[in-house]
Amino acid sequence: FNGKVKKLTGYTPSGYLIHLRIEAAINQIVNTNKSLTEIALDCGFYSSQHFSATFLKWTGMTPSAFRKSAQEL
């Protein structure tokens, strides 16, 4: 199972779930005025701190910095 998921997606199963959660969060950051805490919980993170740390690890930016840069476009 793990090998098939990695072959199809390029991610481990847990990595793919995180990827999907980050993509959903990016969509909400760009397209809504929800608070970052609300987005974190909506996307399956157990706290805003966990969300922020994971988002930073995957994107190289904090969610608030990402939102600010998206608004400047």
C-alpha atoms as a PDB file:
ATOM      1  CA  PHE A   1       0.000   0.000   0.000  1.00  0.00           C
ATOM      2  CA  ASN A   2       2.678   2.501   1.018  1.00  0.00           C
ATOM      3  CA  GLY A   3       4.656   1.833  -2.131  1.00  0.00           C
ATOM      4  CA  LYS A   4       1.621   2.275  -4.373  1.00  0.00           C
ATOM      5  CA  VAL A   5       0.663   5.561  -2.740  1.00  0.00           C
ATOM      6  CA  LYS A   6       4.230   6.847  -3.023  1.00  0.00           C
ATOM      7  CA  LYS A   7       4.425   5.782  -6.668  1.00  0.00           C
ATOM      8  CA  LEU A   8       1.126   7.501  -7.521  1.00  0.00           C
ATOM      9  CA  THR A   9       1.559  10.681  -5.492  1.00  0.00           C
ATOM     10  CA  GLY A  10       5.252  11.063  -4.754  1.00  0.00           C
ATOM     11  CA  TYR A  11       4.415  11.130  -1.037  1.00  0.00           C
ATOM     12  CA  THR A  12       4.133   8.605   1.747  1.00  0.00           C
ATOM     13  CA  PRO A  13       0.508   8.096   2.850  1.00  0.00           C
ATOM     14  CA  SER A  14       0.930  10.419   5.834  1.00  0.00           C
ATOM     15  CA  GLY A  15       2.843  12.930   3.715  1.00  0.00           C
ATOM     16  CA  TYR A  16       0.080  12.917   1.136  1.00  0.00           C
ATOM     17  CA  LEU A  17      -2.533  13.662   3.803  1.00  0.00           C
ATOM     18  CA  ILE A  18      -0.448  16.583   5.050  1.00  0.00           C
ATOM     19  CA  HIS A  19      -0.039  17.789   1.464  1.00  0.00           C
ATOM     20  CA  LEU A  20      -3.818  17.728   0.977  1.00  0.00           C
ATOM     21  CA  ARG A  21      -4.365  19.598   4.248  1.00  0.00           C
ATOM     22  CA  ILE A  22      -1.813  22.264   3.315  1.00  0.00           C
ATOM     23  CA  GLU A  23      -3.397  22.682  -0.136  1.00  0.00           C
ATOM     24  CA  ALA A  24      -6.828  23.071   1.471  1.00  0.00           C
ATOM     25  CA  ALA A  25      -5.391  25.610   3.904  1.00  0.00           C
ATOM     26  CA  ILE A  26      -3.762  27.592   1.094  1.00  0.00           C
ATOM     27  CA  ASN A  27      -7.100  27.706  -0.708  1.00  0.00           C
ATOM     28  CA  GLN A  28      -8.828  29.044   2.397  1.00  0.00           C
ATOM     29  CA  ILE A  29      -6.052  31.525   3.199  1.00  0.00           C
ATOM     30  CA  VAL A  30      -6.274  32.994  -0.292  1.00  0.00           C
ATOM     31  CA  ASN A  31     -10.046  32.838  -0.771  1.00  0.00           C
ATOM     32  CA  THR A  32     -11.587  33.518   2.651  1.00  0.00           C
ATOM     33  CA  ASN A  33     -11.302  35.921   5.542  1.00  0.00           C
ATOM     34  CA  LYS A  34     -11.388  33.121   8.119  1.00  0.00           C
ATOM     35  CA  SER A  35      -8.965  33.321  11.009  1.00  0.00           C
ATOM     36  CA  LEU A  36      -5.876  31.155  10.738  1.00  0.00           C
ATOM     37  CA  THR A  37      -7.036  29.175  13.773  1.00  0.00           C
ATOM     38  CA  GLU A  38     -10.358  28.445  12.081  1.00  0.00           C
ATOM     39  CA  ILE A  39      -8.548  27.387   8.904  1.00  0.00           C
ATOM     40  CA  ALA A  40      -6.216  25.166  10.928  1.00  0.00           C
ATOM     41  CA  LEU A  41      -9.100  23.346  12.571  1.00  0.00           C
ATOM     42  CA  ASP A  42     -11.102  23.155   9.314  1.00  0.00           C
ATOM     43  CA  CYS A  43      -8.145  21.474   7.610  1.00  0.00           C
ATOM     44  CA  GLY A  44      -7.595  18.827  10.275  1.00  0.00           C
ATOM     45  CA  PHE A  45      -4.792  20.293  12.371  1.00  0.00           C
ATOM     46  CA  TYR A  46      -5.238  19.871  16.118  1.00  0.00           C
ATOM     47  CA  SER A  47      -4.028  23.373  16.994  1.00  0.00           C
ATOM     48  CA  SER A  48      -2.992  26.616  15.361  1.00  0.00           C
ATOM     49  CA  GLN A  49       0.573  26.008  16.580  1.00  0.00           C
ATOM     50  CA  HIS A  50       0.700  22.603  14.894  1.00  0.00           C
ATOM     51  CA  PHE A  51      -0.734  24.143  11.727  1.00  0.00           C
ATOM     52  CA  SER A  52       1.775  26.998  11.717  1.00  0.00           C
ATOM     53  CA  ALA A  53       4.769  24.701  12.263  1.00  0.00           C
ATOM     54  CA  THR A  54       3.617  22.238   9.584  1.00  0.00           C
ATOM     55  CA  PHE A  55       2.770  25.020   7.112  1.00  0.00           C
ATOM     56  CA  LEU A  56       6.213  26.576   7.637  1.00  0.00           C
ATOM     57  CA  LYS A  57       7.931  23.218   7.127  1.00  0.00           C
ATOM     58  CA  TRP A  58       6.039  22.509   3.888  1.00  0.00           C
ATOM     59  CA  THR A  59       5.935  25.985   2.319  1.00  0.00           C
ATOM     60  CA  GLY A  60       8.846  27.866   3.853  1.00  0.00           C
ATOM     61  CA  MET A  61       6.463  30.569   5.115  1.00  0.00           C
ATOM     62  CA  THR A  62       4.211  30.983   8.101  1.00  0.00           C
ATOM     63  CA  PRO A  63       0.478  31.064   7.347  1.00  0.00           C
ATOM     64  CA  SER A  64       0.299  34.759   8.268  1.00  0.00           C
ATOM     65  CA  ALA A  65       3.249  35.636   5.998  1.00  0.00           C
ATOM     66  CA  PHE A  66       1.655  33.597   3.217  1.00  0.00           C
ATOM     67  CA  ARG A  67      -1.652  35.449   3.642  1.00  0.00           C
ATOM     68  CA  LYS A  68       0.119  38.804   3.587  1.00  0.00           C
ATOM     69  CA  SER A  69       2.061  37.952   0.417  1.00  0.00           C
ATOM     70  CA  ALA A  70      -1.103  36.652  -1.278  1.00  0.00           C
ATOM     71  CA  GLN A  71      -2.921  39.902  -0.474  1.00  0.00           C
ATOM     72  CA  GLU A  72      -0.114  41.922  -2.054  1.00  0.00           C
ATOM     73  CA  LEU A  73      -0.594  40.230  -5.435  1.00  0.00           C
END
